[in-house]
C-alpha atoms as a PDB file:
ATOM      1  CA  MET A   1     183.903 114.772 103.597  1.00  0.00           C
ATOM      2  CA  ASP A   2     186.888 115.647 105.752  1.00  0.00           C
ATOM      3  CA  LYS A   3     187.611 114.404 109.212  1.00  0.00           C
ATOM      4  CA  ILE A   4     187.160 117.824 110.880  1.00  0.00           C
ATOM      5  CA  THR A   5     183.691 118.165 109.325  1.00  0.00           C
ATOM      6  CA  LEU A   6     182.712 114.712 110.452  1.00  0.00           C
ATOM      7  CA  GLN A   7     183.884 115.425 114.021  1.00  0.00           C
ATOM      8  CA  ARG A   8     181.830 118.660 114.119  1.00  0.00           C
ATOM      9  CA  ILE A   9     178.720 116.926 112.715  1.00  0.00           C
ATOM     10  CA  GLN A  10     178.918 114.373 115.535  1.00  0.00           C
ATOM     11  CA  LYS A  11     178.548 117.164 118.086  1.00  0.00           C
ATOM     12  CA  LEU A  12     175.399 118.612 116.451  1.00  0.00           C
ATOM     13  CA  HIS A  13     171.972 117.880 117.835  1.00  0.00           C
ATOM     14  CA  PRO A  14     171.293 114.161 117.223  1.00  0.00           C
ATOM     15  CA  SER A  15     168.068 114.902 115.256  1.00  0.00           C
ATOM     16  CA  ILE A  16     170.017 116.630 112.494  1.00  0.00           C
ATOM     17  CA  ARG A  17     173.284 114.751 112.220  1.00  0.00           C
ATOM     18  CA  GLY A  18     172.072 112.539 109.369  1.00  0.00           C
ATOM     19  CA  GLU A  19     170.580 115.414 107.507  1.00  0.00           C
ATOM     20  CA  MET A  20     173.807 117.454 107.845  1.00  0.00           C
ATOM     21  CA  THR A  21     175.796 114.538 106.581  1.00  0.00           C
ATOM     22  CA  SER A  22     173.551 114.374 103.536  1.00  0.00           C
ATOM     23  CA  ILE A  23     173.847 118.112 102.935  1.00  0.00           C
ATOM     24  CA  ILE A  24     177.628 117.998 103.083  1.00  0.00           C
ATOM     25  CA  LYS A  25     177.686 115.040 100.697  1.00  0.00           C
ATOM     26  CA  GLU A  26     175.358 116.824  98.246  1.00  0.00           C
ATOM     27  CA  CYS A  27     177.609 119.933  98.358  1.00  0.00           C
ATOM     28  CA  GLY A  28     180.598 117.648  97.697  1.00  0.00           C
ATOM     29  CA  LEU A  29     178.870 116.250  94.626  1.00  0.00           C
ATOM     30  CA  ALA A  30     177.914 119.695  93.395  1.00  0.00           C
ATOM     31  CA  LEU A  31     181.403 121.123  93.861  1.00  0.00           C
ATOM     32  CA  THR A  32     183.278 119.317  91.110  1.00  0.00           C
ATOM     33  CA  GLY A  33     186.417 121.511  91.170  1.00  0.00           C
ATOM     34  CA  ARG A  34     189.054 122.492  93.627  1.00  0.00           C
ATOM     35  CA  ALA A  35     186.698 123.491  96.453  1.00  0.00           C
ATOM     36  CA  LYS A  36     185.097 121.264  99.096  1.00  0.00           C
ATOM     37  CA  ILE A  37     182.847 122.319 101.986  1.00  0.00           C
ATOM     38  CA  ARG A  38     184.020 122.207 105.611  1.00  0.00           C
ATOM     39  CA  VAL A  39     181.943 122.807 108.761  1.00  0.00           C
ATOM     40  CA  THR A  40     183.990 125.346 110.708  1.00  0.00           C
ATOM     41  CA  GLN A  41     181.602 125.603 113.698  1.00  0.00           C
ATOM     42  CA  GLY A  42     178.696 123.624 114.983  1.00  0.00           C
ATOM     43  CA  LEU A  43     177.704 123.158 118.592  1.00  0.00           C
ATOM     44  CA  ARG A  44     178.924 126.001 120.758  1.00  0.00           C
ATOM     45  CA  SER A  45     178.671 126.227 124.552  1.00  0.00           C
ATOM     46  CA  PHE A  46     176.967 129.124 126.313  1.00  0.00           C
ATOM     47  CA  LYS A  47     180.439 130.132 127.611  1.00  0.00           C
ATOM     48  CA  GLU A  48     181.991 130.115 124.076  1.00  0.00           C
ATOM     49  CA  GLN A  49     179.040 132.176 122.938  1.00  0.00           C
ATOM     50  CA  ASP A  50     179.500 134.770 125.670  1.00  0.00           C
ATOM     51  CA  GLU A  51     183.231 134.989 124.775  1.00  0.00           C
ATOM     52  CA  LEU A  52     182.286 135.689 121.150  1.00  0.00           C
ATOM     53  CA  PHE A  53     179.659 138.215 122.260  1.00  0.00           C
ATOM     54  CA  ALA A  54     182.361 140.116 124.215  1.00  0.00           C
ATOM     55  CA  ILE A  55     184.415 140.797 121.043  1.00  0.00           C
ATOM     56  CA  GLY A  56     183.793 144.330 119.960  1.00  0.00           C
ATOM     57  CA  ARG A  57     182.233 145.132 123.262  1.00  0.00           C
ATOM     58  CA  THR A  58     184.454 144.376 126.265  1.00  0.00           C
ATOM     59  CA  LYS A  59     187.244 142.703 124.187  1.00  0.00           C
ATOM     60  CA  THR A  60     188.997 144.312 121.191  1.00  0.00           C
ATOM     61  CA  GLY A  61     187.903 143.485 117.716  1.00  0.00           C
ATOM     62  CA  LYS A  62     184.947 143.784 115.414  1.00  0.00           C
ATOM     63  CA  LYS A  63     181.639 142.443 116.651  1.00  0.00           C
ATOM     64  CA  VAL A  64     181.081 138.909 115.461  1.00  0.00           C
ATOM     65  CA  THR A  65     177.692 138.133 116.935  1.00  0.00           C
ATOM     66  CA  ASN A  66     174.646 139.820 118.467  1.00  0.00           C
ATOM     67  CA  ALA A  67     173.784 136.675 120.468  1.00  0.00           C
ATOM     68  CA  LYS A  68     174.734 136.070 124.124  1.00  0.00           C
ATOM     69  CA  GLY A  69     175.002 132.507 125.552  1.00  0.00           C
ATOM     70  CA  GLY A  70     171.702 130.762 125.036  1.00  0.00           C
ATOM     71  CA  GLN A  71     170.574 133.161 122.308  1.00  0.00           C
ATOM     72  CA  SER A  72     172.330 131.423 119.378  1.00  0.00           C
ATOM     73  CA  ILE A  73     171.040 128.366 117.580  1.00  0.00           C
ATOM     74  CA  HIS A  74     174.709 127.106 117.725  1.00  0.00           C
ATOM     75  CA  ASN A  75     174.119 126.696 121.477  1.00  0.00           C
ATOM     76  CA  TYR A  76     171.557 123.941 120.672  1.00  0.00           C
ATOM     77  CA  GLY A  77     173.577 122.201 117.995  1.00  0.00           C
ATOM     78  CA  LEU A  78     171.190 123.307 115.301  1.00  0.00           C
ATOM     79  CA  ALA A  79     173.464 125.632 113.304  1.00  0.00           C
ATOM     80  CA  VAL A  80     176.697 125.412 111.400  1.00  0.00           C
ATOM     81  CA  ASP A  81     179.174 127.830 109.915  1.00  0.00           C
ATOM     82  CA  ILE A  82     181.067 126.731 106.820  1.00  0.00           C
ATOM     83  CA  CYS A  83     184.003 127.608 104.600  1.00  0.00           C
ATOM     84  CA  LEU A  84     185.298 126.192 101.402  1.00  0.00           C
ATOM     85  CA  ILE A  85     188.569 124.332 101.535  1.00  0.00           C
ATOM     86  CA  ILE A  86     190.556 124.872  98.332  1.00  0.00           C
ATOM     87  CA  ASP A  87     192.915 122.080  97.101  1.00  0.00           C
ATOM     88  CA  GLY A  88     192.509 120.346 100.563  1.00  0.00           C
ATOM     89  CA  LYS A  89     194.414 123.034 102.436  1.00  0.00           C
ATOM     90  CA  THR A  90     193.310 126.666 102.079  1.00  0.00           C
ATOM     91  CA  ALA A  91     190.125 127.970 103.778  1.00  0.00           C
ATOM     92  CA  SER A  92     188.090 130.406 101.705  1.00  0.00           C
ATOM     93  CA  TRP A  93     185.003 132.465 102.484  1.00  0.00           C
ATOM     94  CA  ASP A  94     184.865 133.859  98.937  1.00  0.00           C
ATOM     95  CA  THR A  95     181.186 133.794  98.033  1.00  0.00           C
ATOM     96  CA  ALA A  96     181.782 134.779  94.401  1.00  0.00           C
ATOM     97  CA  LYS A  97     184.451 132.283  93.213  1.00  0.00           C
ATOM     98  CA  ASP A  98     183.479 129.503  90.815  1.00  0.00           C
ATOM     99  CA  TRP A  99     186.206 126.998  91.459  1.00  0.00           C
ATOM    100  CA  ASP A 100     184.568 124.327  89.295  1.00  0.00           C
ATOM    101  CA  ASN A 101     183.810 126.707  86.368  1.00  0.00           C
ATOM    102  CA  ASP A 102     180.151 125.712  86.029  1.00  0.00           C
ATOM    103  CA  LYS A 103     178.941 129.381  85.934  1.00  0.00           C
ATOM    104  CA  VAL A 104     177.575 129.211  89.520  1.00  0.00           C
ATOM    105  CA  ALA A 105     179.590 130.531  92.490  1.00  0.00           C
ATOM    106  CA  ASP A 106     180.516 127.424  94.609  1.00  0.00           C
ATOM    107  CA  TRP A 107     179.255 129.138  97.755  1.00  0.00           C
ATOM    108  CA  TYR A 108     175.769 129.641  96.224  1.00  0.00           C
ATOM    109  CA  GLU A 109     175.673 126.021  95.046  1.00  0.00           C
ATOM    110  CA  CYS A 110     175.877 125.129  98.793  1.00  0.00           C
ATOM    111  CA  VAL A 111     173.386 127.843  99.788  1.00  0.00           C
ATOM    112  CA  ARG A 112     170.800 126.290  97.434  1.00  0.00           C
ATOM    113  CA  ILE A 113     171.391 122.788  98.890  1.00  0.00           C
ATOM    114  CA  PHE A 114     170.991 123.974 102.498  1.00  0.00           C
ATOM    115  CA  ALA A 115     167.795 125.877 101.428  1.00  0.00           C
ATOM    116  CA  LYS A 116     166.426 122.746  99.741  1.00  0.00           C
ATOM    117  CA  HIS A 117     166.678 120.996 103.170  1.00  0.00           C
ATOM    118  CA  GLY A 118     164.900 123.839 105.019  1.00  0.00           C
ATOM    119  CA  TRP A 119     167.910 125.654 106.484  1.00  0.00           C
ATOM    120  CA  ASP A 120     167.993 129.412 106.849  1.00  0.00           C
ATOM    121  CA  TRP A 121     171.076 131.257 105.554  1.00  0.00           C
ATOM    122  CA  GLY A 122     172.646 134.079 107.473  1.00  0.00           C
ATOM    123  CA  GLY A 123     173.433 135.805 104.174  1.00  0.00           C
ATOM    124  CA  ASN A 124     169.628 136.443 103.826  1.00  0.00           C
ATOM    125  CA  TRP A 125     169.354 138.307 107.134  1.00  0.00           C
ATOM    126  CA  LYS A 126     168.509 141.916 106.856  1.00  0.00           C
ATOM    127  CA  THR A 127     170.557 143.503 109.624  1.00  0.00           C
ATOM    128  CA  PHE A 128     173.512 141.371 110.605  1.00  0.00           C
ATOM    129  CA  LYS A 129     174.518 139.286 107.530  1.00  0.00           C
ATOM    130  CA  ASP A 130     176.443 136.190 108.533  1.00  0.00           C
ATOM    131  CA  LEU A 131     177.485 134.563 105.247  1.00  0.00           C
ATOM    132  CA  PRO A 132     179.134 131.405 106.713  1.00  0.00           C
ATOM    133  CA  HIS A 133     176.061 130.662 108.906  1.00  0.00           C
ATOM    134  CA  PHE A 134     173.204 128.192 108.305  1.00  0.00           C
ATOM    135  CA  GLU A 135     170.569 127.161 110.825  1.00  0.00           C
ATOM    136  CA  LYS A 136     167.700 124.715 110.931  1.00  0.00           C
ATOM    137  CA  LYS A 137     164.435 126.663 110.757  1.00  0.00           C
ATOM    138  CA  SER A 138     162.232 124.024 112.397  1.00  0.00           C
ATOM    139  CA  ILE A 139     162.181 120.526 113.663  1.00  0.00           C
ATOM    140  CA  LYS A 140     159.302 118.146 112.848  1.00  0.00           C
ATOM    141  CA  THR A 141     158.301 115.777 115.625  1.00  0.00           C
ATOM    142  CA  LYS A 142     155.754 113.018 115.543  1.00  0.00           C
ATOM    143  CA  THR A 143     153.039 115.389 116.730  1.00  0.00           C
ATOM    144  CA  SER A 144     154.101 118.978 115.694  1.00  0.00           C
ATOM    145  CA  GLU A 145     156.682 121.258 114.153  1.00  0.00           C
ATOM    146  CA  ILE A 146     158.834 123.300 116.521  1.00  0.00           C
ATOM    147  CA  LYS A 147     160.319 126.645 115.309  1.00  0.00           C
ATOM    148  CA  THR A 148     163.931 126.672 116.378  1.00  0.00           C
ATOM    149  CA  SER A 149     164.195 130.187 117.742  1.00  0.00           C
ATOM    150  CA  TRP A 150     166.328 130.318 120.864  1.00  0.00           C
ATOM    151  CA  ARG A 151     163.310 131.660 122.719  1.00  0.00           C
ATOM    152  CA  ASN A 152     161.583 128.343 122.078  1.00  0.00           C
ATOM    153  CA  LEU A 153     164.691 126.204 122.606  1.00  0.00           C
ATOM    154  CA  ILE A 154     165.809 127.626 125.900  1.00  0.00           C
ATOM    155  CA  LYS A 155     162.522 126.565 127.533  1.00  0.00           C
ATOM    156  CA  LEU A 156     162.711 122.892 126.413  1.00  0.00           C
ATOM    157  CA  PRO A 157     163.948 120.140 128.663  1.00  0.00           C
ATOM    158  CA  LYS A 158     167.363 118.660 128.006  1.00  0.00           C
ATOM    159  CA  ASP A 159     168.599 115.068 127.812  1.00  0.00           C
ATOM    160  CA  LYS A 160     171.513 113.653 129.803  1.00  0.00           C
ATOM    161  CA  ASP A 161     173.988 114.983 127.153  1.00  0.00           C
ATOM    162  CA  GLY A 162     172.508 118.519 127.216  1.00  0.00           C
ATOM    163  CA  TYR A 163     170.592 118.427 123.957  1.00  0.00           C
ATOM    164  CA  VAL A 164     167.052 119.808 123.871  1.00  0.00           C
ATOM    165  CA  ILE A 165     164.346 117.162 123.763  1.00  0.00           C
ATOM    166  CA  PHE A 166     161.775 117.662 121.014  1.00  0.00           C
END
């Protein structure tokens, strides 16, 4: 696991940092060739989200999100975007390439691992496919299971560091 990924994991919601570390390690074991997984985005502030939302609307460029600040699971540290790093230096978002020649595209090896851990993949979305995106579907607490939609999360109290309290 590279230093950048480790730094981004440490900013995720505390309740999923360990799980995300395990997922990245599993992906690393599955990808036996030239590709390794990197977290390119994790926790994102409401301001950063609003700036992304403006692209393709009030700023030039192609739309990159339909979520305003507070409406993205990234804003709660419960989502990541990934890429593959080839030979330790080149970022790739190629979902078809099989860098380790095991007859399964490396990207989909990671998709399966995230799914096994209960994460939703943006590539499965019907309207706005987001292939690099994975988000935690729900959080289990001692007494219940909370769906991680932003509509639920925005209402929850926050701790001293700004993370929602489950």
